[in-house]
Amino acid sequence: MSLQVPEGRVVRLLEEDEPASIHVERKLWFWQWGGKPISENTTRPDIEAYNLREIRIITVQTLLDNLITTITSVVSVTRITLIVEGNP
């Protein structure tokens, strides 16, 4: 997972307790137990789609992520949840 901002855009990072009007959750898939991304793993699409000028990112492993990873880790695939919060 990486924080990437579209070229020419200035984005401020939100503190943990600052309010955010946008909340987006996406599932990120990785191969080789997290070594190589399979899905889009940057924040750029969310910043562009919601025209965010302030952003906070959080990654979590939900219970469902853990259950799925338990099964898919046999073929070295893992999953996590990316939460992007922000304000336009």
N, C-alpha and C. Protein backbone atom coordinates (compact mmCIF):
# COMPACT_ATOMS: atom_id res chain seq x y z
N MET A 1 0.85 -1.16 0.00
CA MET A 1 0.00 0.00 0.00
C MET A 1 0.90 1.22 0.00
N SER A 2 0.57 2.19 -0.84
CA SER A 2 1.37 3.40 -0.82
C SER A 2 0.49 4.64 -0.99
N LEU A 3 0.91 5.70 -0.34
CA LEU A 3 0.23 6.99 -0.45
C LEU A 3 0.79 7.68 -1.68
N GLN A 4 -0.03 7.81 -2.71
CA GLN A 4 0.39 8.50 -3.92
C GLN A 4 -0.65 9.56 -4.25
N VAL A 5 -0.15 10.74 -4.59
CA VAL A 5 -0.99 11.89 -4.91
C VAL A 5 -0.86 12.18 -6.40
N PRO A 6 -1.97 12.53 -7.06
CA PRO A 6 -1.87 12.89 -8.48
C PRO A 6 -0.90 14.05 -8.68
N GLU A 7 -0.20 14.03 -9.79
CA GLU A 7 0.79 15.05 -10.09
C GLU A 7 0.18 16.45 -10.05
N GLY A 8 0.87 17.38 -9.38
CA GLY A 8 0.42 18.77 -9.30
C GLY A 8 -0.60 19.04 -8.20
N ARG A 9 -1.04 18.02 -7.49
CA ARG A 9 -2.05 18.18 -6.44
C ARG A 9 -1.37 18.29 -5.08
N VAL A 10 -1.82 19.22 -4.26
CA VAL A 10 -1.32 19.35 -2.90
C VAL A 10 -2.38 18.75 -1.97
N VAL A 11 -1.97 17.81 -1.15
CA VAL A 11 -2.88 17.13 -0.24
C VAL A 11 -2.30 17.19 1.16
N ARG A 12 -3.15 17.56 2.11
CA ARG A 12 -2.75 17.63 3.51
C ARG A 12 -3.19 16.36 4.22
N LEU A 13 -2.32 15.82 5.08
CA LEU A 13 -2.67 14.63 5.85
C LEU A 13 -3.49 15.04 7.07
N LEU A 14 -4.61 14.36 7.26
CA LEU A 14 -5.48 14.63 8.40
C LEU A 14 -4.94 13.94 9.65
N GLU A 15 -5.11 14.60 10.78
CA GLU A 15 -4.80 13.98 12.07
C GLU A 15 -5.87 12.93 12.37
N GLU A 16 -5.58 12.05 13.28
CA GLU A 16 -6.49 10.95 13.61
C GLU A 16 -7.86 11.42 14.09
N ASP A 17 -7.91 12.54 14.81
CA ASP A 17 -9.17 13.00 15.39
C ASP A 17 -9.88 14.08 14.56
N GLU A 18 -9.35 14.45 13.42
CA GLU A 18 -10.00 15.46 12.58
C GLU A 18 -11.17 14.84 11.82
N PRO A 19 -12.27 15.60 11.65
CA PRO A 19 -13.43 15.06 10.92
C PRO A 19 -13.15 14.90 9.42
N ALA A 20 -13.81 13.92 8.83
CA ALA A 20 -13.69 13.66 7.39
C ALA A 20 -15.08 13.40 6.83
N SER A 21 -15.40 14.02 5.69
CA SER A 21 -16.73 13.88 5.10
C SER A 21 -16.83 12.70 4.13
N ILE A 22 -15.69 12.18 3.68
CA ILE A 22 -15.66 11.05 2.74
C ILE A 22 -15.04 9.85 3.44
N HIS A 23 -15.65 8.68 3.26
CA HIS A 23 -15.13 7.43 3.83
C HIS A 23 -15.26 6.35 2.75
N VAL A 24 -14.13 5.81 2.32
CA VAL A 24 -14.10 4.79 1.27
C VAL A 24 -13.32 3.59 1.79
N GLU A 25 -13.86 2.39 1.57
CA GLU A 25 -13.15 1.17 1.92
C GLU A 25 -12.93 0.34 0.67
N ARG A 26 -11.71 -0.14 0.50
CA ARG A 26 -11.37 -1.00 -0.63
C ARG A 26 -10.59 -2.19 -0.13
N LYS A 27 -10.72 -3.30 -0.82
CA LYS A 27 -9.94 -4.49 -0.51
C LYS A 27 -8.69 -4.49 -1.38
N LEU A 28 -7.56 -4.72 -0.76
CA LEU A 28 -6.29 -4.80 -1.49
C LEU A 28 -5.82 -6.24 -1.47
N TRP A 29 -5.40 -6.72 -2.63
CA TRP A 29 -4.92 -8.08 -2.78
C TRP A 29 -3.43 -8.07 -3.09
N PHE A 30 -2.71 -8.98 -2.45
CA PHE A 30 -1.27 -9.09 -2.65
C PHE A 30 -0.88 -10.54 -2.91
N TRP A 31 0.16 -10.69 -3.69
CA TRP A 31 0.73 -11.98 -4.00
C TRP A 31 2.03 -12.11 -3.23
N GLN A 32 2.53 -13.27 -3.05
CA GLN A 32 3.76 -13.57 -2.31
C GLN A 32 3.67 -13.01 -0.89
N TRP A 33 2.54 -13.30 -0.24
CA TRP A 33 2.29 -12.93 1.16
C TRP A 33 2.53 -11.45 1.43
N GLY A 34 2.07 -10.61 0.53
CA GLY A 34 2.19 -9.17 0.71
C GLY A 34 3.33 -8.53 -0.05
N GLY A 35 4.11 -9.31 -0.75
CA GLY A 35 5.28 -8.78 -1.44
C GLY A 35 4.99 -8.05 -2.74
N LYS A 36 3.94 -8.47 -3.45
CA LYS A 36 3.62 -7.86 -4.74
C LYS A 36 2.12 -7.61 -4.83
N PRO A 37 1.74 -6.37 -5.17
CA PRO A 37 0.31 -6.07 -5.27
C PRO A 37 -0.33 -6.71 -6.50
N ILE A 38 -1.56 -7.20 -6.32
CA ILE A 38 -2.35 -7.72 -7.43
C ILE A 38 -3.35 -6.67 -7.87
N SER A 39 -3.94 -5.97 -6.89
CA SER A 39 -4.93 -4.93 -7.17
C SER A 39 -4.29 -3.54 -7.04
N GLU A 40 -5.01 -2.52 -7.45
CA GLU A 40 -4.54 -1.12 -7.29
C GLU A 40 -4.33 -0.88 -5.80
N ASN A 41 -3.11 -0.56 -5.42
CA ASN A 41 -2.80 -0.41 -4.00
C ASN A 41 -2.32 0.98 -3.62
N THR A 42 -2.71 1.99 -4.39
CA THR A 42 -2.34 3.36 -4.06
C THR A 42 -3.60 4.17 -3.75
N THR A 43 -3.39 5.35 -3.19
CA THR A 43 -4.51 6.24 -2.87
C THR A 43 -4.88 7.16 -4.03
N ARG A 44 -4.11 7.16 -5.09
CA ARG A 44 -4.35 8.07 -6.22
C ARG A 44 -5.78 8.00 -6.78
N PRO A 45 -6.35 6.82 -7.04
CA PRO A 45 -7.71 6.79 -7.60
C PRO A 45 -8.76 7.41 -6.68
N ASP A 46 -8.61 7.23 -5.38
CA ASP A 46 -9.56 7.80 -4.43
C ASP A 46 -9.44 9.31 -4.35
N ILE A 47 -8.22 9.81 -4.37
CA ILE A 47 -8.00 11.26 -4.34
C ILE A 47 -8.60 11.90 -5.58
N GLU A 48 -8.41 11.28 -6.73
CA GLU A 48 -8.97 11.82 -7.97
C GLU A 48 -10.49 11.71 -8.01
N ALA A 49 -11.03 10.56 -7.63
CA ALA A 49 -12.47 10.31 -7.73
C ALA A 49 -13.27 11.25 -6.82
N TYR A 50 -12.76 11.55 -5.65
CA TYR A 50 -13.48 12.37 -4.69
C TYR A 50 -12.90 13.77 -4.55
N ASN A 51 -11.92 14.11 -5.39
CA ASN A 51 -11.28 15.43 -5.39
C ASN A 51 -10.81 15.82 -3.99
N LEU A 52 -10.12 14.91 -3.33
CA LEU A 52 -9.70 15.13 -1.95
C LEU A 52 -8.53 16.09 -1.85
N ARG A 53 -8.63 17.00 -0.90
CA ARG A 53 -7.54 17.95 -0.59
C ARG A 53 -6.94 17.65 0.78
N GLU A 54 -7.68 16.88 1.58
CA GLU A 54 -7.21 16.42 2.88
C GLU A 54 -7.48 14.92 2.93
N ILE A 55 -6.55 14.16 3.50
CA ILE A 55 -6.69 12.70 3.43
C ILE A 55 -6.10 12.03 4.67
N ARG A 56 -6.72 10.91 5.01
CA ARG A 56 -6.19 10.03 6.06
C ARG A 56 -6.34 8.61 5.53
N ILE A 57 -5.31 7.80 5.70
CA ILE A 57 -5.39 6.40 5.25
C ILE A 57 -5.15 5.47 6.43
N ILE A 58 -5.90 4.38 6.41
CA ILE A 58 -5.81 3.38 7.47
C ILE A 58 -5.83 2.02 6.78
N THR A 59 -5.00 1.10 7.23
CA THR A 59 -5.10 -0.27 6.75
C THR A 59 -5.45 -1.16 7.93
N VAL A 60 -6.39 -2.06 7.70
CA VAL A 60 -6.82 -2.98 8.74
C VAL A 60 -6.97 -4.37 8.15
N GLN A 61 -6.89 -5.35 9.02
CA GLN A 61 -7.21 -6.72 8.62
C GLN A 61 -8.45 -7.12 9.38
N THR A 62 -9.55 -7.18 8.67
CA THR A 62 -10.82 -7.55 9.29
C THR A 62 -10.86 -9.06 9.51
N LEU A 63 -11.87 -9.49 10.24
CA LEU A 63 -12.04 -10.91 10.46
C LEU A 63 -12.21 -11.64 9.13
N LEU A 64 -13.01 -11.05 8.23
CA LEU A 64 -13.20 -11.67 6.91
C LEU A 64 -11.89 -11.69 6.11
N ASP A 65 -11.10 -10.61 6.18
CA ASP A 65 -9.78 -10.60 5.52
C ASP A 65 -8.93 -11.76 6.03
N ASN A 66 -8.93 -11.96 7.34
CA ASN A 66 -8.13 -13.04 7.93
C ASN A 66 -8.62 -14.41 7.50
N LEU A 67 -9.93 -14.59 7.45
CA LEU A 67 -10.47 -15.88 7.01
C LEU A 67 -10.11 -16.17 5.56
N ILE A 68 -10.27 -15.18 4.71
CA ILE A 68 -9.95 -15.35 3.29
C ILE A 68 -8.45 -15.61 3.11
N THR A 69 -7.62 -14.85 3.83
CA THR A 69 -6.17 -15.03 3.73
C THR A 69 -5.76 -16.41 4.21
N THR A 70 -6.44 -16.95 5.21
CA THR A 70 -6.13 -18.29 5.68
C THR A 70 -6.28 -19.30 4.55
N ILE A 71 -7.30 -19.12 3.73
CA ILE A 71 -7.54 -20.04 2.62
C ILE A 71 -6.60 -19.75 1.45
N THR A 72 -6.47 -18.47 1.07
CA THR A 72 -5.69 -18.11 -0.11
C THR A 72 -4.18 -18.10 0.12
N SER A 73 -3.75 -18.13 1.37
CA SER A 73 -2.30 -18.12 1.63
C SER A 73 -1.63 -19.40 1.13
N VAL A 74 -2.41 -20.42 0.88
CA VAL A 74 -1.86 -21.65 0.32
C VAL A 74 -1.19 -21.37 -1.03
N VAL A 75 -1.74 -20.40 -1.77
CA VAL A 75 -1.16 -20.01 -3.05
C VAL A 75 -0.49 -18.63 -2.94
N SER A 76 -0.14 -18.25 -1.72
CA SER A 76 0.61 -17.03 -1.38
C SER A 76 -0.14 -15.72 -1.67
N VAL A 77 -1.49 -15.74 -1.57
CA VAL A 77 -2.29 -14.53 -1.80
C VAL A 77 -2.85 -14.07 -0.46
N THR A 78 -2.74 -12.75 -0.18
CA THR A 78 -3.28 -12.18 1.04
C THR A 78 -4.19 -10.99 0.71
N ARG A 79 -5.02 -10.60 1.68
CA ARG A 79 -5.95 -9.51 1.48
C ARG A 79 -6.00 -8.64 2.73
N ILE A 80 -6.05 -7.30 2.52
CA ILE A 80 -6.25 -6.35 3.62
C ILE A 80 -7.29 -5.32 3.18
N THR A 81 -7.78 -4.56 4.13
CA THR A 81 -8.75 -3.50 3.84
C THR A 81 -8.06 -2.14 3.96
N LEU A 82 -8.22 -1.32 2.94
CA LEU A 82 -7.72 0.04 2.94
C LEU A 82 -8.90 0.97 3.18
N ILE A 83 -8.75 1.86 4.14
CA ILE A 83 -9.76 2.87 4.43
C ILE A 83 -9.16 4.23 4.09
N VAL A 84 -9.84 4.96 3.20
CA VAL A 84 -9.42 6.30 2.83
C VAL A 84 -10.50 7.25 3.31
N GLU A 85 -10.11 8.22 4.13
CA GLU A 85 -11.03 9.24 4.62
C GLU A 85 -10.47 10.60 4.23
N GLY A 86 -11.36 11.54 3.98
CA GLY A 86 -10.85 12.85 3.61
C GLY A 86 -11.94 13.88 3.37
N ASN A 87 -11.49 15.05 2.95
CA ASN A 87 -12.36 16.18 2.65
C ASN A 87 -11.95 16.80 1.32
N PRO A 88 -12.96 17.20 0.52
CA PRO A 88 -12.64 17.88 -0.74
C PRO A 88 -12.10 19.29 -0.52
